[in-house]
């Protein structure tokens, strides 16, 4: 806590968000797709703020070509500079080891006791939620909202596909909205950097500059 009695990273005088969006990931690196997703979620679900939470180690995929935590954090900070609606939290980086969302939700609940926590995920992650650690506890701690890309056939998604007991499948399906079509991935951006190709317009200019200055993701 700061001297003013606020959670670390919360500026004096800032009102605690009423509905706090939480966007987690490796952000390796953060790209324009992440920022557009955050903006879509903020507008579609009437969020007060979106918190970007970079993981220390992703729990469900190998940490291939994962840039050091300090670089990923710095790139997010650069991308969010001057954007009052978006904040970054290093709580998972401070915890270290594998970043479990349920632990993050518990910490955020303590930091923002009056806020509604809204976890933001993509439609591709929805059928995998049942595999997340302590998923039932996590679903009680926060509300999950899902952004699907235009062209996604949501009618093909059945409640049984989510492999969770009632009432969660129905509730999760009610929290699906269409976002913008942005075909970007950190994997492709890392590939382009390694091949000497431009990433202009794919990442924030400040992130492009940071990657070049620190020679990240090069062969």
C-alpha atoms as a PDB file:
ATOM      1  CA  UNK A   1       0.000   0.000   0.000  1.00  0.00           C
ATOM      2  CA  UNK A   2       1.145   3.558  -0.658  1.00  0.00           C
ATOM      3  CA  UNK A   3       1.425   6.282   1.999  1.00  0.00           C
ATOM      4  CA  UNK A   4      -2.048   7.468   0.970  1.00  0.00           C
ATOM      5  CA  UNK A   5      -3.484   4.050   1.781  1.00  0.00           C
ATOM      6  CA  UNK A   6      -4.036   3.135  -1.861  1.00  0.00           C
ATOM      7  CA  UNK A   7      -2.959  -0.074  -3.621  1.00  0.00           C
ATOM      8  CA  UNK A   8       0.411   0.190  -5.364  1.00  0.00           C
ATOM      9  CA  UNK A   9       0.021   1.730  -8.791  1.00  0.00           C
ATOM     10  CA  UNK A  10      -3.166   3.638  -7.929  1.00  0.00           C
ATOM     11  CA  UNK A  11      -2.647   7.389  -8.090  1.00  0.00           C
ATOM     12  CA  UNK A  12      -3.832   9.584  -5.191  1.00  0.00           C
ATOM     13  CA  UNK A  13      -7.284  10.979  -5.863  1.00  0.00           C
ATOM     14  CA  UNK A  14      -8.194   8.269  -8.360  1.00  0.00           C
ATOM     15  CA  UNK A  15     -11.543   6.652  -7.691  1.00  0.00           C
ATOM     16  CA  UNK A  16     -11.519   2.867  -7.532  1.00  0.00           C
ATOM     17  CA  UNK A  17     -13.077   1.500 -10.745  1.00  0.00           C
ATOM     18  CA  UNK A  18     -16.658   0.300 -10.482  1.00  0.00           C
ATOM     19  CA  UNK A  19     -16.248  -2.363 -13.158  1.00  0.00           C
ATOM     20  CA  UNK A  20     -12.617  -3.373 -13.673  1.00  0.00           C
ATOM     21  CA  UNK A  21     -11.721  -5.270 -16.828  1.00  0.00           C
ATOM     22  CA  UNK A  22      -8.781  -7.656 -16.524  1.00  0.00           C
ATOM     23  CA  UNK A  23      -6.836  -8.617 -19.647  1.00  0.00           C
ATOM     24  CA  UNK A  24      -4.119 -11.174 -18.979  1.00  0.00           C
ATOM     25  CA  UNK A  25      -1.524 -12.744 -21.239  1.00  0.00           C
ATOM     26  CA  UNK A  26       2.143 -13.051 -22.044  1.00  0.00           C
ATOM     27  CA  UNK A  27       2.139  -9.817 -24.104  1.00  0.00           C
ATOM     28  CA  UNK A  28       5.213 -11.110 -25.897  1.00  0.00           C
ATOM     29  CA  UNK A  29       5.061  -8.466 -27.280  1.00  0.00           C
ATOM     30  CA  UNK A  30       1.912  -6.400 -26.766  1.00  0.00           C
ATOM     31  CA  UNK A  31       0.389  -5.469 -30.148  1.00  0.00           C
ATOM     32  CA  UNK A  32      -2.453  -3.406 -31.566  1.00  0.00           C
ATOM     33  CA  UNK A  33      -4.808  -6.374 -31.371  1.00  0.00           C
ATOM     34  CA  UNK A  34      -4.494  -6.355 -27.577  1.00  0.00           C
ATOM     35  CA  UNK A  35      -5.307  -2.641 -27.449  1.00  0.00           C
ATOM     36  CA  UNK A  36      -8.293  -2.983 -29.775  1.00  0.00           C
ATOM     37  CA  UNK A  37      -9.576  -5.927 -27.728  1.00  0.00           C
ATOM     38  CA  UNK A  38      -9.336  -3.844 -24.555  1.00  0.00           C
ATOM     39  CA  UNK A  39     -11.195  -0.967 -26.198  1.00  0.00           C
ATOM     40  CA  UNK A  40     -13.911  -3.279 -27.535  1.00  0.00           C
ATOM     41  CA  UNK A  41     -14.381  -4.828 -24.102  1.00  0.00           C
ATOM     42  CA  UNK A  42     -14.541  -1.427 -22.431  1.00  0.00           C
ATOM     43  CA  UNK A  43     -17.278  -0.229 -24.778  1.00  0.00           C
ATOM     44  CA  UNK A  44     -19.304  -3.438 -25.082  1.00  0.00           C
ATOM     45  CA  UNK A  45     -19.326  -4.263 -21.362  1.00  0.00           C
ATOM     46  CA  UNK A  46     -19.291  -0.691 -20.025  1.00  0.00           C
ATOM     47  CA  UNK A  47     -16.043  -1.101 -18.092  1.00  0.00           C
ATOM     48  CA  UNK A  48     -14.597   1.684 -15.972  1.00  0.00           C
ATOM     49  CA  UNK A  49     -11.022   0.662 -16.706  1.00  0.00           C
ATOM     50  CA  UNK A  50      -9.005  -2.190 -18.200  1.00  0.00           C
ATOM     51  CA  UNK A  51      -6.041  -3.643 -16.307  1.00  0.00           C
ATOM     52  CA  UNK A  52      -3.338  -5.347 -18.389  1.00  0.00           C
ATOM     53  CA  UNK A  53      -1.743  -8.190 -16.398  1.00  0.00           C
ATOM     54  CA  UNK A  54       1.357  -9.770 -17.970  1.00  0.00           C
ATOM     55  CA  UNK A  55       2.062 -13.286 -16.728  1.00  0.00           C
ATOM     56  CA  UNK A  56       5.337 -14.516 -15.309  1.00  0.00           C
ATOM     57  CA  UNK A  57       4.979 -17.934 -16.948  1.00  0.00           C
ATOM     58  CA  UNK A  58       1.929 -18.919 -19.021  1.00  0.00           C
ATOM     59  CA  UNK A  59       0.186 -21.948 -17.472  1.00  0.00           C
ATOM     60  CA  UNK A  60      -1.235 -23.604 -20.587  1.00  0.00           C
ATOM     61  CA  UNK A  61       1.489 -23.218 -23.208  1.00  0.00           C
ATOM     62  CA  UNK A  62       5.292 -23.394 -23.390  1.00  0.00           C
ATOM     63  CA  UNK A  63       7.164 -20.151 -22.766  1.00  0.00           C
ATOM     64  CA  UNK A  64       8.897 -20.248 -26.159  1.00  0.00           C
ATOM     65  CA  UNK A  65      10.844 -17.079 -26.999  1.00  0.00           C
ATOM     66  CA  UNK A  66       9.405 -15.398 -23.901  1.00  0.00           C
ATOM     67  CA  UNK A  67      11.117 -12.037 -23.434  1.00  0.00           C
ATOM     68  CA  UNK A  68      12.288 -11.190 -19.902  1.00  0.00           C
ATOM     69  CA  UNK A  69       9.559  -9.865 -17.639  1.00  0.00           C
ATOM     70  CA  UNK A  70      11.079  -6.392 -17.359  1.00  0.00           C
ATOM     71  CA  UNK A  71      10.988  -5.943 -21.138  1.00  0.00           C
ATOM     72  CA  UNK A  72       7.402  -7.148 -21.535  1.00  0.00           C
ATOM     73  CA  UNK A  73       6.297  -4.865 -18.704  1.00  0.00           C
ATOM     74  CA  UNK A  74       8.163  -1.896 -20.180  1.00  0.00           C
ATOM     75  CA  UNK A  75       6.582  -2.479 -23.610  1.00  0.00           C
ATOM     76  CA  UNK A  76       3.095  -2.477 -22.096  1.00  0.00           C
ATOM     77  CA  UNK A  77       3.869   0.711 -20.192  1.00  0.00           C
ATOM     78  CA  UNK A  78       5.093   2.310 -23.429  1.00  0.00           C
ATOM     79  CA  UNK A  79       1.971   1.237 -25.328  1.00  0.00           C
ATOM     80  CA  UNK A  80      -0.357   2.591 -22.618  1.00  0.00           C
ATOM     81  CA  UNK A  81       1.431   5.920 -22.093  1.00  0.00           C
ATOM     82  CA  UNK A  82      -1.123   8.706 -21.870  1.00  0.00           C
ATOM     83  CA  UNK A  83      -4.125   6.336 -22.008  1.00  0.00           C
ATOM     84  CA  UNK A  84      -6.045   6.948 -18.775  1.00  0.00           C
ATOM     85  CA  UNK A  85      -8.537   4.131 -19.439  1.00  0.00           C
ATOM     86  CA  UNK A  86      -5.856   1.442 -19.408  1.00  0.00           C
ATOM     87  CA  UNK A  87      -3.440   0.477 -16.620  1.00  0.00           C
ATOM     88  CA  UNK A  88      -0.821  -2.233 -16.186  1.00  0.00           C
ATOM     89  CA  UNK A  89      -0.258  -4.409 -13.124  1.00  0.00           C
ATOM     90  CA  UNK A  90       2.890  -6.404 -12.391  1.00  0.00           C
ATOM     91  CA  UNK A  91       1.330  -8.537  -9.652  1.00  0.00           C
ATOM     92  CA  UNK A  92       1.832 -11.815 -11.581  1.00  0.00           C
ATOM     93  CA  UNK A  93       5.423 -10.861 -12.406  1.00  0.00           C
ATOM     94  CA  UNK A  94       6.034 -10.116  -8.727  1.00  0.00           C
ATOM     95  CA  UNK A  95       4.557 -13.486  -7.753  1.00  0.00           C
ATOM     96  CA  UNK A  96       6.770 -15.289 -10.253  1.00  0.00           C
ATOM     97  CA  UNK A  97       6.484 -18.922 -11.380  1.00  0.00           C
ATOM     98  CA  UNK A  98       3.331 -20.076 -13.209  1.00  0.00           C
ATOM     99  CA  UNK A  99       0.628 -17.403 -13.302  1.00  0.00           C
ATOM    100  CA  UNK A 100      -2.691 -18.895 -12.220  1.00  0.00           C
ATOM    101  CA  UNK A 101      -5.680 -16.641 -12.878  1.00  0.00           C
ATOM    102  CA  UNK A 102      -7.430 -17.718  -9.677  1.00  0.00           C
ATOM    103  CA  UNK A 103      -4.528 -16.369  -7.611  1.00  0.00           C
ATOM    104  CA  UNK A 104      -4.649 -13.121  -9.570  1.00  0.00           C
ATOM    105  CA  UNK A 105      -8.394 -12.800  -9.001  1.00  0.00           C
ATOM    106  CA  UNK A 106      -7.910 -13.252  -5.253  1.00  0.00           C
ATOM    107  CA  UNK A 107      -5.231 -10.545  -5.174  1.00  0.00           C
ATOM    108  CA  UNK A 108      -7.313  -8.145  -7.238  1.00  0.00           C
ATOM    109  CA  UNK A 109     -10.312  -8.757  -5.002  1.00  0.00           C
ATOM    110  CA  UNK A 110      -8.185  -7.594  -2.045  1.00  0.00           C
ATOM    111  CA  UNK A 111      -6.838  -4.578  -3.957  1.00  0.00           C
ATOM    112  CA  UNK A 112     -10.216  -3.508  -5.346  1.00  0.00           C
ATOM    113  CA  UNK A 113     -12.791  -4.789  -2.819  1.00  0.00           C
ATOM    114  CA  UNK A 114     -15.639  -2.648  -4.167  1.00  0.00           C
ATOM    115  CA  UNK A 115     -15.042  -3.250  -7.895  1.00  0.00           C
ATOM    116  CA  UNK A 116     -16.687  -5.854 -10.088  1.00  0.00           C
ATOM    117  CA  UNK A 117     -13.884  -7.910 -11.661  1.00  0.00           C
ATOM    118  CA  UNK A 118     -14.457  -8.676 -15.337  1.00  0.00           C
ATOM    119  CA  UNK A 119     -12.009 -11.106 -16.957  1.00  0.00           C
ATOM    120  CA  UNK A 120     -11.695 -10.591 -20.721  1.00  0.00           C
ATOM    121  CA  UNK A 121     -11.008 -13.586 -22.960  1.00  0.00           C
ATOM    122  CA  UNK A 122     -11.172 -14.439 -26.650  1.00  0.00           C
ATOM    123  CA  UNK A 123     -13.707 -16.888 -28.038  1.00  0.00           C
ATOM    124  CA  UNK A 124     -10.959 -19.443 -28.712  1.00  0.00           C
ATOM    125  CA  UNK A 125     -10.331 -19.711 -24.956  1.00  0.00           C
ATOM    126  CA  UNK A 126     -13.942 -20.292 -23.959  1.00  0.00           C
ATOM    127  CA  UNK A 127     -14.036 -24.087 -24.571  1.00  0.00           C
ATOM    128  CA  UNK A 128     -10.804 -24.432 -22.556  1.00  0.00           C
ATOM    129  CA  UNK A 129     -12.014 -22.683 -19.418  1.00  0.00           C
ATOM    130  CA  UNK A 130     -12.902 -25.961 -17.723  1.00  0.00           C
ATOM    131  CA  UNK A 131      -9.175 -26.792 -17.714  1.00  0.00           C
ATOM    132  CA  UNK A 132      -8.216 -23.674 -15.755  1.00  0.00           C
ATOM    133  CA  UNK A 133      -7.057 -24.131 -12.191  1.00  0.00           C
ATOM    134  CA  UNK A 134      -9.887 -23.881  -9.627  1.00  0.00           C
ATOM    135  CA  UNK A 135     -12.187 -22.691 -12.390  1.00  0.00           C
ATOM    136  CA  UNK A 136     -15.332 -22.850 -10.245  1.00  0.00           C
ATOM    137  CA  UNK A 137     -13.742 -20.642  -7.591  1.00  0.00           C
ATOM    138  CA  UNK A 138     -12.542 -18.297 -10.331  1.00  0.00           C
ATOM    139  CA  UNK A 139     -16.026 -18.037 -11.823  1.00  0.00           C
ATOM    140  CA  UNK A 140     -17.345 -17.044  -8.402  1.00  0.00           C
ATOM    141  CA  UNK A 141     -14.658 -14.397  -7.937  1.00  0.00           C
ATOM    142  CA  UNK A 142     -15.187 -12.593 -11.240  1.00  0.00           C
ATOM    143  CA  UNK A 143     -17.365 -12.295 -14.320  1.00  0.00           C
ATOM    144  CA  UNK A 144     -15.990 -13.697 -17.575  1.00  0.00           C
ATOM    145  CA  UNK A 145     -16.744 -11.873 -20.816  1.00  0.00           C
ATOM    146  CA  UNK A 146     -15.817 -13.178 -24.252  1.00  0.00           C
ATOM    147  CA  UNK A 147     -14.987 -11.315 -27.439  1.00  0.00           C
ATOM    148  CA  UNK A 148     -15.532 -13.180 -30.689  1.00  0.00           C
ATOM    149  CA  UNK A 149     -14.229 -12.125 -34.074  1.00  0.00           C
ATOM    150  CA  UNK A 150     -16.681 -11.310 -36.869  1.00  0.00           C
ATOM    151  CA  UNK A 151     -17.384 -14.476 -38.805  1.00  0.00           C
ATOM    152  CA  UNK A 152     -17.214 -16.690 -35.717  1.00  0.00           C
ATOM    153  CA  UNK A 153     -20.086 -19.190 -35.773  1.00  0.00           C
ATOM    154  CA  UNK A 154     -21.410 -18.860 -32.252  1.00  0.00           C
ATOM    155  CA  UNK A 155     -24.420 -21.032 -33.073  1.00  0.00           C
ATOM    156  CA  UNK A 156     -22.054 -23.997 -33.285  1.00  0.00           C
ATOM    157  CA  UNK A 157     -20.991 -23.487 -29.671  1.00  0.00           C
ATOM    158  CA  UNK A 158     -23.168 -25.643 -27.445  1.00  0.00           C
ATOM    159  CA  UNK A 159     -23.366 -25.388 -23.676  1.00  0.00           C
ATOM    160  CA  UNK A 160     -22.118 -28.972 -23.464  1.00  0.00           C
ATOM    161  CA  UNK A 161     -18.916 -27.881 -25.253  1.00  0.00           C
ATOM    162  CA  UNK A 162     -17.939 -25.799 -22.224  1.00  0.00           C
ATOM    163  CA  UNK A 163     -17.841 -28.882 -19.959  1.00  0.00           C
ATOM    164  CA  UNK A 164     -18.956 -26.976 -16.874  1.00  0.00           C
ATOM    165  CA  UNK A 165     -21.919 -27.669 -14.636  1.00  0.00           C
ATOM    166  CA  UNK A 166     -24.942 -25.342 -14.649  1.00  0.00           C
ATOM    167  CA  UNK A 167     -25.414 -22.424 -14.429  1.00  0.00           C
ATOM    168  CA  UNK A 168     -21.986 -21.538 -15.854  1.00  0.00           C
ATOM    169  CA  UNK A 169     -22.386 -22.575 -19.525  1.00  0.00           C
ATOM    170  CA  UNK A 170     -25.526 -20.485 -19.937  1.00  0.00           C
ATOM    171  CA  UNK A 171     -24.040 -17.507 -18.110  1.00  0.00           C
ATOM    172  CA  UNK A 172     -20.835 -17.627 -20.162  1.00  0.00           C
ATOM    173  CA  UNK A 173     -22.744 -17.778 -23.452  1.00  0.00           C
ATOM    174  CA  UNK A 174     -24.764 -14.724 -22.412  1.00  0.00           C
ATOM    175  CA  UNK A 175     -21.509 -12.776 -22.029  1.00  0.00           C
ATOM    176  CA  UNK A 176     -20.277 -13.157 -25.614  1.00  0.00           C
ATOM    177  CA  UNK A 177     -20.024 -10.127 -27.890  1.00  0.00           C
ATOM    178  CA  UNK A 178     -18.572  -9.486 -31.345  1.00  0.00           C
ATOM    179  CA  UNK A 179     -15.328  -7.536 -31.420  1.00  0.00           C
ATOM    180  CA  UNK A 180     -13.348  -6.183 -34.353  1.00  0.00           C
ATOM    181  CA  UNK A 181     -11.638  -8.469 -36.830  1.00  0.00           C
ATOM    182  CA  UNK A 182      -7.928  -8.084 -36.048  1.00  0.00           C
ATOM    183  CA  UNK A 183      -5.780 -10.919 -37.307  1.00  0.00           C
ATOM    184  CA  UNK A 184      -2.659 -10.240 -35.263  1.00  0.00           C
ATOM    185  CA  UNK A 185      -0.575 -12.490 -33.052  1.00  0.00           C
ATOM    186  CA  UNK A 186       2.569 -12.061 -30.998  1.00  0.00           C
ATOM    187  CA  UNK A 187       3.934 -15.224 -32.626  1.00  0.00           C
ATOM    188  CA  UNK A 188       3.720 -13.663 -36.088  1.00  0.00           C
ATOM    189  CA  UNK A 189       5.268 -10.423 -34.856  1.00  0.00           C
ATOM    190  CA  UNK A 190       8.220 -12.299 -33.340  1.00  0.00           C
ATOM    191  CA  UNK A 191       8.644 -14.188 -36.621  1.00  0.00           C
ATOM    192  CA  UNK A 192       8.654 -10.948 -38.620  1.00  0.00           C
ATOM    193  CA  UNK A 193      11.270  -9.425 -36.333  1.00  0.00           C
ATOM    194  CA  UNK A 194      13.469 -12.519 -36.596  1.00  0.00           C
ATOM    195  CA  UNK A 195      13.191 -12.360 -40.397  1.00  0.00           C
ATOM    196  CA  UNK A 196      14.000  -8.662 -40.518  1.00  0.00           C
ATOM    197  CA  UNK A 197      10.491  -7.655 -41.631  1.00  0.00           C
ATOM    198  CA  UNK A 198       8.670  -4.520 -40.544  1.00  0.00           C
ATOM    199  CA  UNK A 199       6.197  -4.553 -37.648  1.00  0.00           C
ATOM    200  CA  UNK A 200       5.070  -1.008 -38.310  1.00  0.00           C
ATOM    201  CA  UNK A 201       1.302  -0.572 -37.785  1.00  0.00           C
ATOM    202  CA  UNK A 202       1.185  -3.946 -35.991  1.00  0.00           C
ATOM    203  CA  UNK A 203       2.435  -2.610 -32.672  1.00  0.00           C
ATOM    204  CA  UNK A 204       2.357   0.801 -31.013  1.00  0.00           C
ATOM    205  CA  UNK A 205       5.214   2.986 -32.358  1.00  0.00           C
ATOM    206  CA  UNK A 206       6.739   3.172 -28.881  1.00  0.00           C
ATOM    207  CA  UNK A 207       6.801  -0.638 -28.718  1.00  0.00           C
ATOM    208  CA  UNK A 208       8.407  -0.844 -32.167  1.00  0.00           C
ATOM    209  CA  UNK A 209      11.112   1.548 -30.984  1.00  0.00           C
ATOM    210  CA  UNK A 210      11.632  -0.346 -27.715  1.00  0.00           C
ATOM    211  CA  UNK A 211      12.052  -3.670 -29.512  1.00  0.00           C
ATOM    212  CA  UNK A 212      14.596  -2.146 -31.895  1.00  0.00           C
ATOM    213  CA  UNK A 213      16.554  -0.421 -29.111  1.00  0.00           C
ATOM    214  CA  UNK A 214      16.795  -3.589 -27.017  1.00  0.00           C
ATOM    215  CA  UNK A 215      17.240  -5.928 -30.003  1.00  0.00           C
ATOM    216  CA  UNK A 216      14.450  -8.238 -28.840  1.00  0.00           C
ATOM    217  CA  UNK A 217      13.274 -11.347 -30.713  1.00  0.00           C
ATOM    218  CA  UNK A 218      16.176 -11.347 -33.151  1.00  0.00           C
ATOM    219  CA  UNK A 219      17.849 -14.527 -34.332  1.00  0.00           C
END
